Amino acid sequence: MPTWLVTGGAGFIGGNFVLDAVHRGIKVVNLDALTYAGNLDTLRSLRNDGNHVFVQGDIGDASLVSGLLAEHRPDAVVNFAAESHVDRSIDGPAAFVQTNVVGTLSLLEQVRDYWRALDADAAPAFRFLHVSTDEVYGSLGDSGKFTETTPYAPNSPYSATKAASDHLVRAFHHTYGLPVLTTNCSNNYGPYQFPEKLVPLVIAKALAGEALPVYGDGRNVRDWLFVEDHCSAIRRVLEAGEVGGTYNVGGDAERRNLDVVKTLCALLDERRPLPGGRPRESLITFVKDRPGHDRRYAVDASKLKGALGWSPAVTFEEGMARTVDWYLDNQPWVDRVLDGSYRLERIGQA
């Protein structure tokens, strides 16, 4: 049975990845600091599963990480651990530097030392996969897409720290030979996403009949990736990616933020109409834009498709419908997440 050390495995993407991996028969040692976006409720179904070992802790805790590596002898490390919300990075960038840069560096040092001590059979098969974002590339105009060779030009404190961590991962491969892989994904959505992000935030406010805030003119474009497709891409890169390689992961689903909100409104109107049949689109309210808001992201995932045979399996329409249905069916999870640290308020206005 393979063993993977997964960091940040109680968060949104990490949690989905861990659930899928364990269900596939992989033993997962799950290290998560359980900050505001980490939620053990996401992993409730694994509570009595012997293939899931949860450890609360920080990737920057060198002795803890070293001990976990020595005890569990993982075949791979998959690093999801990160502060990940742009608005929060505007309000408090220091925490993002500490986790995304300093924490990643510490993790890399411990993994490097562990890998160096592996025997001749285990060392060649070991992998360190670093999960990153398309935001490291900056912003696009009306045309073109990000490729793996697009120069980095991060525009927010969050994306700057993720860019720094990407460079550290690359440096540990070229300097020490550590067998690394990096994925840069587009905007994820789906089950278990923390309610400060656009999709679950709109669902929560729309269900309550509250105003639906849309930044600026709502024409900022993102490529939307269903989280299950992202997890399948990571698994594919982990099993067959070229050591030292970088792979962009996209959903082939460019949409304006305003159109995403309208899609969610229509889906909720079908499933939970407001009293009197008022259309939820009427709740859309344009608010002051986020400082430095990137205009457009678009991901070229042709390398991943051509070299490894991966492509997204879930369309935008199907993914949004499945996401809305999940939140409607799992309101107790949402209620428990909103424990007082975040109450759907506006953050990141600098």
Protein backbone atom coordinates (compact mmCIF):
# COMPACT_ATOMS: atom_id res chain seq x y z
CA MET A 1 0.00 0.00 0.00
CA PRO A 2 1.45 3.41 -0.93
CA THR A 3 1.83 5.96 1.85
CA TRP A 4 1.58 9.69 1.18
CA LEU A 5 2.28 12.57 3.52
CA VAL A 6 -0.25 15.25 2.59
CA THR A 7 0.14 18.73 4.08
CA GLY A 8 -2.87 21.02 4.30
CA GLY A 9 -5.15 18.02 3.95
CA ALA A 10 -8.01 19.49 6.00
CA GLY A 11 -8.47 22.43 3.65
CA PHE A 12 -10.69 22.64 0.59
CA ILE A 13 -8.57 21.10 -2.17
CA GLY A 14 -6.42 19.08 0.21
CA GLY A 15 -9.47 17.64 1.94
CA ASN A 16 -11.02 16.53 -1.33
CA PHE A 17 -7.68 15.00 -2.34
CA VAL A 18 -7.32 13.11 0.94
CA LEU A 19 -10.88 11.74 0.80
CA ASP A 20 -10.30 10.44 -2.71
CA ALA A 21 -6.85 9.01 -1.97
CA VAL A 22 -7.98 7.06 1.08
CA HIS A 23 -10.98 5.72 -0.79
CA ARG A 24 -8.52 4.47 -3.43
CA GLY A 25 -6.64 2.45 -0.83
CA ILE A 26 -3.73 4.82 -0.19
CA LYS A 27 -2.56 5.42 3.36
CA VAL A 28 -2.51 9.16 4.03
CA VAL A 29 -0.67 10.91 6.84
CA ASN A 30 -2.48 14.24 6.95
CA LEU A 31 -0.63 17.21 8.49
CA ASP A 32 -2.71 20.37 8.90
CA ALA A 33 -2.41 23.34 11.23
CA LEU A 34 -6.20 23.79 11.32
CA THR A 35 -6.14 27.53 10.78
CA TYR A 36 -9.41 29.29 9.88
CA ALA A 37 -9.87 27.34 6.60
CA GLY A 38 -8.85 23.92 7.94
CA ASN A 39 -11.86 21.86 8.95
CA LEU A 40 -11.89 18.34 10.36
CA ASP A 41 -15.59 18.13 9.49
CA THR A 42 -14.49 17.65 5.90
CA LEU A 43 -12.74 14.44 6.95
CA ARG A 44 -15.54 13.14 9.18
CA SER A 45 -16.12 10.06 6.99
CA LEU A 46 -12.50 8.97 7.64
CA ARG A 47 -12.73 9.18 11.42
CA ASN A 48 -12.46 5.40 11.93
CA ASP A 49 -10.42 4.61 8.83
CA GLY A 50 -7.01 3.16 9.66
CA ASN A 51 -5.61 4.44 6.35
CA HIS A 52 -6.00 8.06 7.49
CA VAL A 53 -3.67 9.43 10.17
CA PHE A 54 -4.42 13.03 11.08
CA VAL A 55 -1.77 15.16 12.80
CA GLN A 56 -2.40 18.76 13.78
CA GLY A 57 0.74 20.78 13.20
CA ASP A 58 2.64 23.27 11.08
CA ILE A 59 4.81 22.51 8.05
CA GLY A 60 7.33 24.90 9.60
CA ASP A 61 7.75 22.64 12.63
CA ALA A 62 10.93 20.88 11.52
CA SER A 63 11.05 18.33 14.33
CA LEU A 64 7.42 17.34 13.81
CA VAL A 65 7.83 16.92 10.06
CA SER A 66 11.09 15.02 10.48
CA GLY A 67 9.43 12.70 12.97
CA LEU A 68 6.46 12.00 10.70
CA LEU A 69 8.73 11.20 7.78
CA ALA A 70 10.83 8.84 9.91
CA GLU A 71 7.81 7.11 11.42
CA HIS A 72 5.59 6.66 8.36
CA ARG A 73 8.18 6.42 5.56
CA PRO A 74 6.01 8.00 2.85
CA ASP A 75 6.50 7.28 -0.84
CA ALA A 76 5.46 10.83 -1.70
CA VAL A 77 4.79 14.20 -0.10
CA VAL A 78 2.00 16.35 -1.54
CA ASN A 79 2.09 19.95 -0.33
CA PHE A 80 -1.25 21.77 -0.24
CA ALA A 81 -0.41 23.73 2.92
CA ALA A 82 -0.78 27.44 2.23
CA GLU A 83 -2.54 30.61 3.19
CA SER A 84 -4.59 30.96 0.03
CA HIS A 85 -7.05 33.86 -0.04
CA VAL A 86 -6.08 37.05 -1.87
CA ASP A 87 -8.29 39.32 0.24
CA ARG A 88 -6.77 38.00 3.46
CA SER A 89 -3.27 38.53 2.04
CA ILE A 90 -4.13 42.19 1.47
CA ASP A 91 -5.18 42.62 5.09
CA GLY A 92 -2.30 40.59 6.58
CA PRO A 93 0.55 39.61 4.23
CA ALA A 94 2.96 38.53 6.99
CA ALA A 95 1.05 35.31 7.71
CA PHE A 96 1.30 34.41 4.02
CA VAL A 97 5.06 34.89 4.01
CA GLN A 98 5.40 32.79 7.15
CA THR A 99 3.41 29.80 5.85
CA ASN A 100 3.90 29.93 2.11
CA VAL A 101 7.59 30.87 2.03
CA VAL A 102 9.21 30.10 5.39
CA GLY A 103 7.03 27.06 5.99
CA THR A 104 7.63 25.64 2.53
CA LEU A 105 11.37 26.12 2.92
CA SER A 106 11.37 24.22 6.21
CA LEU A 107 9.29 21.43 4.70
CA LEU A 108 11.65 21.15 1.73
CA GLU A 109 14.68 20.88 4.01
CA GLN A 110 13.16 18.03 6.00
CA VAL A 111 11.96 16.21 2.88
CA ARG A 112 15.37 16.60 1.25
CA ASP A 113 17.12 15.03 4.23
CA TYR A 114 14.58 12.21 4.38
CA TRP A 115 14.95 11.50 0.65
CA ARG A 116 18.74 11.46 0.86
CA ALA A 117 18.57 8.73 3.51
CA LEU A 118 16.25 6.44 1.51
CA ASP A 119 17.68 3.19 0.21
CA ALA A 120 18.57 2.61 -3.42
CA ASP A 121 15.18 1.09 -4.21
CA ALA A 122 12.98 3.72 -2.56
CA ALA A 123 14.84 6.93 -3.44
CA PRO A 124 14.28 6.88 -7.24
CA ALA A 125 10.51 6.42 -6.82
CA PHE A 126 10.04 9.15 -4.20
CA ARG A 127 8.28 12.38 -5.23
CA PHE A 128 7.59 15.79 -3.69
CA LEU A 129 4.60 17.42 -5.40
CA HIS A 130 3.99 21.11 -4.76
CA VAL A 131 0.49 22.45 -5.44
CA SER A 132 0.49 26.05 -6.68
CA THR A 133 -1.68 28.52 -8.56
CA ASP A 134 -1.98 30.26 -11.92
CA GLU A 135 -1.97 33.57 -10.04
CA VAL A 136 1.83 33.50 -9.99
CA TYR A 137 1.75 34.49 -13.66
CA GLY A 138 -0.01 37.79 -13.10
CA SER A 139 -2.81 39.09 -15.30
CA LEU A 140 -3.71 38.60 -18.96
CA GLY A 141 -5.29 40.88 -21.52
CA ASP A 142 -8.26 39.87 -23.64
CA SER A 143 -6.33 37.12 -25.42
CA GLY A 144 -3.68 34.51 -24.73
CA LYS A 145 -3.22 31.91 -22.00
CA PHE A 146 -0.69 31.08 -19.31
CA THR A 147 1.76 28.34 -20.26
CA GLU A 148 4.43 26.69 -18.16
CA THR A 149 6.99 29.11 -19.66
CA THR A 150 5.02 32.29 -18.92
CA PRO A 151 7.23 34.62 -16.81
CA TYR A 152 6.14 35.02 -13.21
CA ALA A 153 4.55 38.40 -12.43
CA PRO A 154 2.54 38.04 -9.19
CA ASN A 155 0.36 41.00 -8.29
CA SER A 156 -0.99 40.22 -4.80
CA PRO A 157 0.82 39.36 -1.57
CA TYR A 158 -0.73 35.89 -1.82
CA SER A 159 0.51 35.21 -5.35
CA ALA A 160 3.92 36.67 -4.54
CA THR A 161 4.37 34.20 -1.70
CA LYS A 162 3.21 31.30 -3.87
CA ALA A 163 5.68 32.38 -6.55
CA ALA A 164 8.44 32.40 -3.96
CA SER A 165 7.52 28.87 -2.84
CA ASP A 166 7.49 27.67 -6.47
CA HIS A 167 11.01 29.04 -6.93
CA LEU A 168 12.19 27.31 -3.76
CA VAL A 169 10.81 23.99 -4.99
CA ARG A 170 12.57 24.45 -8.33
CA ALA A 171 15.81 25.40 -6.57
CA PHE A 172 15.74 22.31 -4.36
CA HIS A 173 15.51 20.17 -7.48
CA HIS A 174 18.33 21.90 -9.32
CA THR A 175 20.58 22.33 -6.28
CA TYR A 176 20.01 19.11 -4.35
CA GLY A 177 18.41 16.82 -6.93
CA LEU A 178 15.18 16.49 -4.92
CA PRO A 179 12.62 14.80 -7.22
CA VAL A 180 9.96 17.51 -7.32
CA LEU A 181 6.83 18.17 -9.35
CA THR A 182 4.81 21.41 -9.45
CA THR A 183 1.23 22.01 -10.53
CA ASN A 184 -0.26 25.44 -11.16
CA CYS A 185 -4.03 25.34 -11.18
CA SER A 186 -6.83 27.70 -12.13
CA ASN A 187 -9.78 28.69 -9.89
CA ASN A 188 -11.14 25.68 -8.02
CA TYR A 189 -14.72 25.22 -6.88
CA GLY A 190 -16.77 22.36 -5.48
CA PRO A 191 -17.69 20.66 -2.17
CA TYR A 192 -16.09 21.68 1.14
CA GLN A 193 -14.88 25.12 -0.02
CA PHE A 194 -14.55 27.72 2.72
CA PRO A 195 -17.41 30.27 2.42
CA GLU A 196 -15.21 33.32 1.84
CA LYS A 197 -14.52 32.28 -1.78
CA LEU A 198 -16.84 33.50 -4.55
CA VAL A 199 -18.92 30.38 -5.25
CA PRO A 200 -19.81 29.29 -1.69
CA LEU A 201 -20.14 32.93 -0.60
CA VAL A 202 -22.71 33.62 -3.32
CA ILE A 203 -24.58 30.41 -2.51
CA ALA A 204 -24.78 31.31 1.19
CA LYS A 205 -25.90 34.89 0.61
CA ALA A 206 -28.32 33.94 -2.16
CA LEU A 207 -29.99 31.32 0.04
CA ALA A 208 -30.45 33.98 2.71
CA GLY A 209 -31.86 36.48 0.21
CA GLU A 210 -29.01 38.91 0.89
CA ALA A 211 -27.19 41.23 -1.49
CA LEU A 212 -24.69 39.43 -3.74
CA PRO A 213 -21.49 41.53 -3.88
CA VAL A 214 -19.64 41.55 -7.20
CA TYR A 215 -16.29 43.33 -7.35
CA GLY A 216 -15.90 46.19 -9.82
CA ASP A 217 -17.82 45.65 -13.06
CA GLY A 218 -17.89 41.86 -12.68
CA ARG A 219 -15.99 41.34 -15.92
CA ASN A 220 -12.88 39.80 -14.37
CA VAL A 221 -12.35 36.42 -16.03
CA ARG A 222 -11.20 33.18 -14.44
CA ASP A 223 -10.80 29.63 -15.71
CA TRP A 224 -13.00 27.49 -13.45
CA LEU A 225 -11.81 24.02 -12.43
CA PHE A 226 -13.99 21.51 -10.57
CA VAL A 227 -12.04 20.27 -7.55
CA GLU A 228 -12.43 16.58 -8.46
CA ASP A 229 -10.76 17.27 -11.81
CA HIS A 230 -7.93 19.05 -10.03
CA CYS A 231 -7.41 16.07 -7.72
CA SER A 232 -7.30 13.68 -10.66
CA ALA A 233 -4.70 15.89 -12.35
CA ILE A 234 -2.51 15.87 -9.25
CA ARG A 235 -2.70 12.09 -9.04
CA ARG A 236 -1.74 11.80 -12.69
CA VAL A 237 1.25 14.14 -12.33
CA LEU A 238 2.33 12.30 -9.21
CA GLU A 239 2.34 8.93 -10.98
CA ALA A 240 3.77 9.93 -14.35
CA GLY A 241 5.05 13.52 -14.34
CA GLU A 242 8.60 14.31 -15.40
CA VAL A 243 10.82 14.96 -12.39
CA GLY A 244 11.49 18.67 -12.08
CA GLY A 245 8.53 19.41 -14.33
CA THR A 246 5.77 21.98 -14.00
CA TYR A 247 2.22 21.31 -15.20
CA ASN A 248 -0.61 23.78 -15.60
CA VAL A 249 -4.07 22.49 -14.65
CA GLY A 250 -7.10 24.21 -16.14
CA GLY A 251 -10.80 23.53 -16.47
CA ASP A 252 -11.36 24.81 -20.04
CA ALA A 253 -14.08 27.01 -18.55
CA GLU A 254 -13.33 30.73 -18.80
CA ARG A 255 -16.16 32.76 -17.31
CA ARG A 256 -16.63 36.31 -16.09
CA ASN A 257 -17.26 36.58 -12.37
CA LEU A 258 -20.63 38.16 -13.10
CA ASP A 259 -21.63 35.19 -15.26
CA VAL A 260 -20.62 32.77 -12.48
CA VAL A 261 -22.87 34.62 -10.06
CA LYS A 262 -25.76 34.60 -12.55
CA THR A 263 -25.30 30.86 -13.10
CA LEU A 264 -25.52 30.24 -9.37
CA CYS A 265 -28.59 32.45 -9.09
CA ALA A 266 -30.39 30.48 -11.80
CA LEU A 267 -29.52 27.13 -10.22
CA LEU A 268 -30.76 28.26 -6.81
CA ASP A 269 -33.94 29.77 -8.28
CA GLU A 270 -34.73 26.35 -9.74
CA ARG A 271 -34.05 24.50 -6.50
CA ARG A 272 -35.02 26.95 -3.72
CA PRO A 273 -37.11 29.83 -5.09
CA LEU A 274 -37.28 32.98 -3.01
CA PRO A 275 -40.66 33.98 -1.55
CA GLY A 276 -42.77 35.54 -4.25
CA GLY A 277 -40.54 34.10 -6.95
CA ARG A 278 -38.14 37.07 -6.91
CA PRO A 279 -35.18 36.26 -9.19
CA ARG A 280 -31.89 36.19 -7.33
CA GLU A 281 -30.15 38.12 -10.10
CA SER A 282 -31.94 41.15 -8.67
CA LEU A 283 -29.78 40.76 -5.56
CA ILE A 284 -26.54 41.39 -7.47
CA THR A 285 -24.79 44.47 -6.10
CA PHE A 286 -21.63 45.91 -7.62
CA VAL A 287 -19.11 46.94 -4.95
CA LYS A 288 -15.74 48.67 -4.92
CA ASP A 289 -13.14 46.52 -6.64
CA ARG A 290 -10.40 44.70 -4.79
CA PRO A 291 -7.04 46.55 -4.82
CA GLY A 292 -4.85 45.27 -7.67
CA HIS A 293 -7.57 42.89 -8.92
CA ASP A 294 -6.15 40.89 -11.84
CA ARG A 295 -8.37 41.21 -14.91
CA ARG A 296 -8.10 37.82 -16.54
CA TYR A 297 -6.56 34.39 -15.98
CA ALA A 298 -6.63 31.65 -18.59
CA VAL A 299 -4.69 28.40 -18.40
CA ASP A 300 -3.18 26.41 -21.24
CA ALA A 301 -3.14 22.82 -19.95
CA SER A 302 -2.03 21.27 -23.24
CA LYS A 303 1.22 19.97 -21.74
CA LEU A 304 -0.67 17.97 -19.12
CA LYS A 305 -3.15 16.75 -21.72
CA GLY A 306 -0.57 15.80 -24.31
CA ALA A 307 2.16 14.32 -22.13
CA LEU A 308 0.04 12.63 -19.47
CA GLY A 309 -3.33 12.15 -21.14
CA TRP A 310 -5.31 14.16 -18.57
CA SER A 311 -8.27 16.40 -19.35
CA PRO A 312 -11.09 17.78 -17.20
CA ALA A 313 -14.06 15.43 -17.02
CA VAL A 314 -16.61 17.83 -15.51
CA THR A 315 -18.08 20.72 -17.51
CA PHE A 316 -18.68 24.11 -15.95
CA GLU A 317 -22.45 23.60 -16.05
CA GLU A 318 -22.30 20.15 -14.46
CA GLY A 319 -19.76 21.22 -11.86
CA MET A 320 -21.73 24.27 -10.75
CA ALA A 321 -24.93 22.23 -10.49
CA ARG A 322 -23.18 19.56 -8.43
CA THR A 323 -21.66 22.23 -6.20
CA VAL A 324 -24.98 23.93 -5.53
CA ASP A 325 -26.61 20.59 -4.74
CA TRP A 326 -23.79 19.69 -2.35
CA TYR A 327 -24.17 22.92 -0.38
CA LEU A 328 -27.95 22.53 -0.24
CA ASP A 329 -27.51 18.99 1.09
CA ASN A 330 -24.77 19.92 3.58
CA GLN A 331 -25.91 23.08 5.35
CA PRO A 332 -24.85 21.71 8.77
CA TRP A 333 -21.25 21.60 7.48
CA VAL A 334 -21.52 25.26 6.42
CA ASP A 335 -23.05 26.25 9.76
CA ARG A 336 -20.22 24.59 11.70
CA VAL A 337 -17.58 26.26 9.51
CA LEU A 338 -18.97 29.69 10.32
CA ASP A 339 -17.79 29.53 13.92
CA GLY A 340 -17.21 33.23 14.42
CA SER A 341 -13.82 33.68 12.73
CA TYR A 342 -15.53 34.53 9.46
CA ARG A 343 -19.12 35.70 8.99
CA LEU A 344 -19.33 36.37 5.25
CA GLU A 345 -18.03 39.90 5.75
CA ARG A 346 -16.06 41.89 3.20
CA ILE A 347 -12.27 41.66 3.71
CA GLY A 348 -9.26 42.74 1.67
CA GLN A 349 -10.16 46.35 1.03
CA ALA A 350 -6.74 47.68 2.12
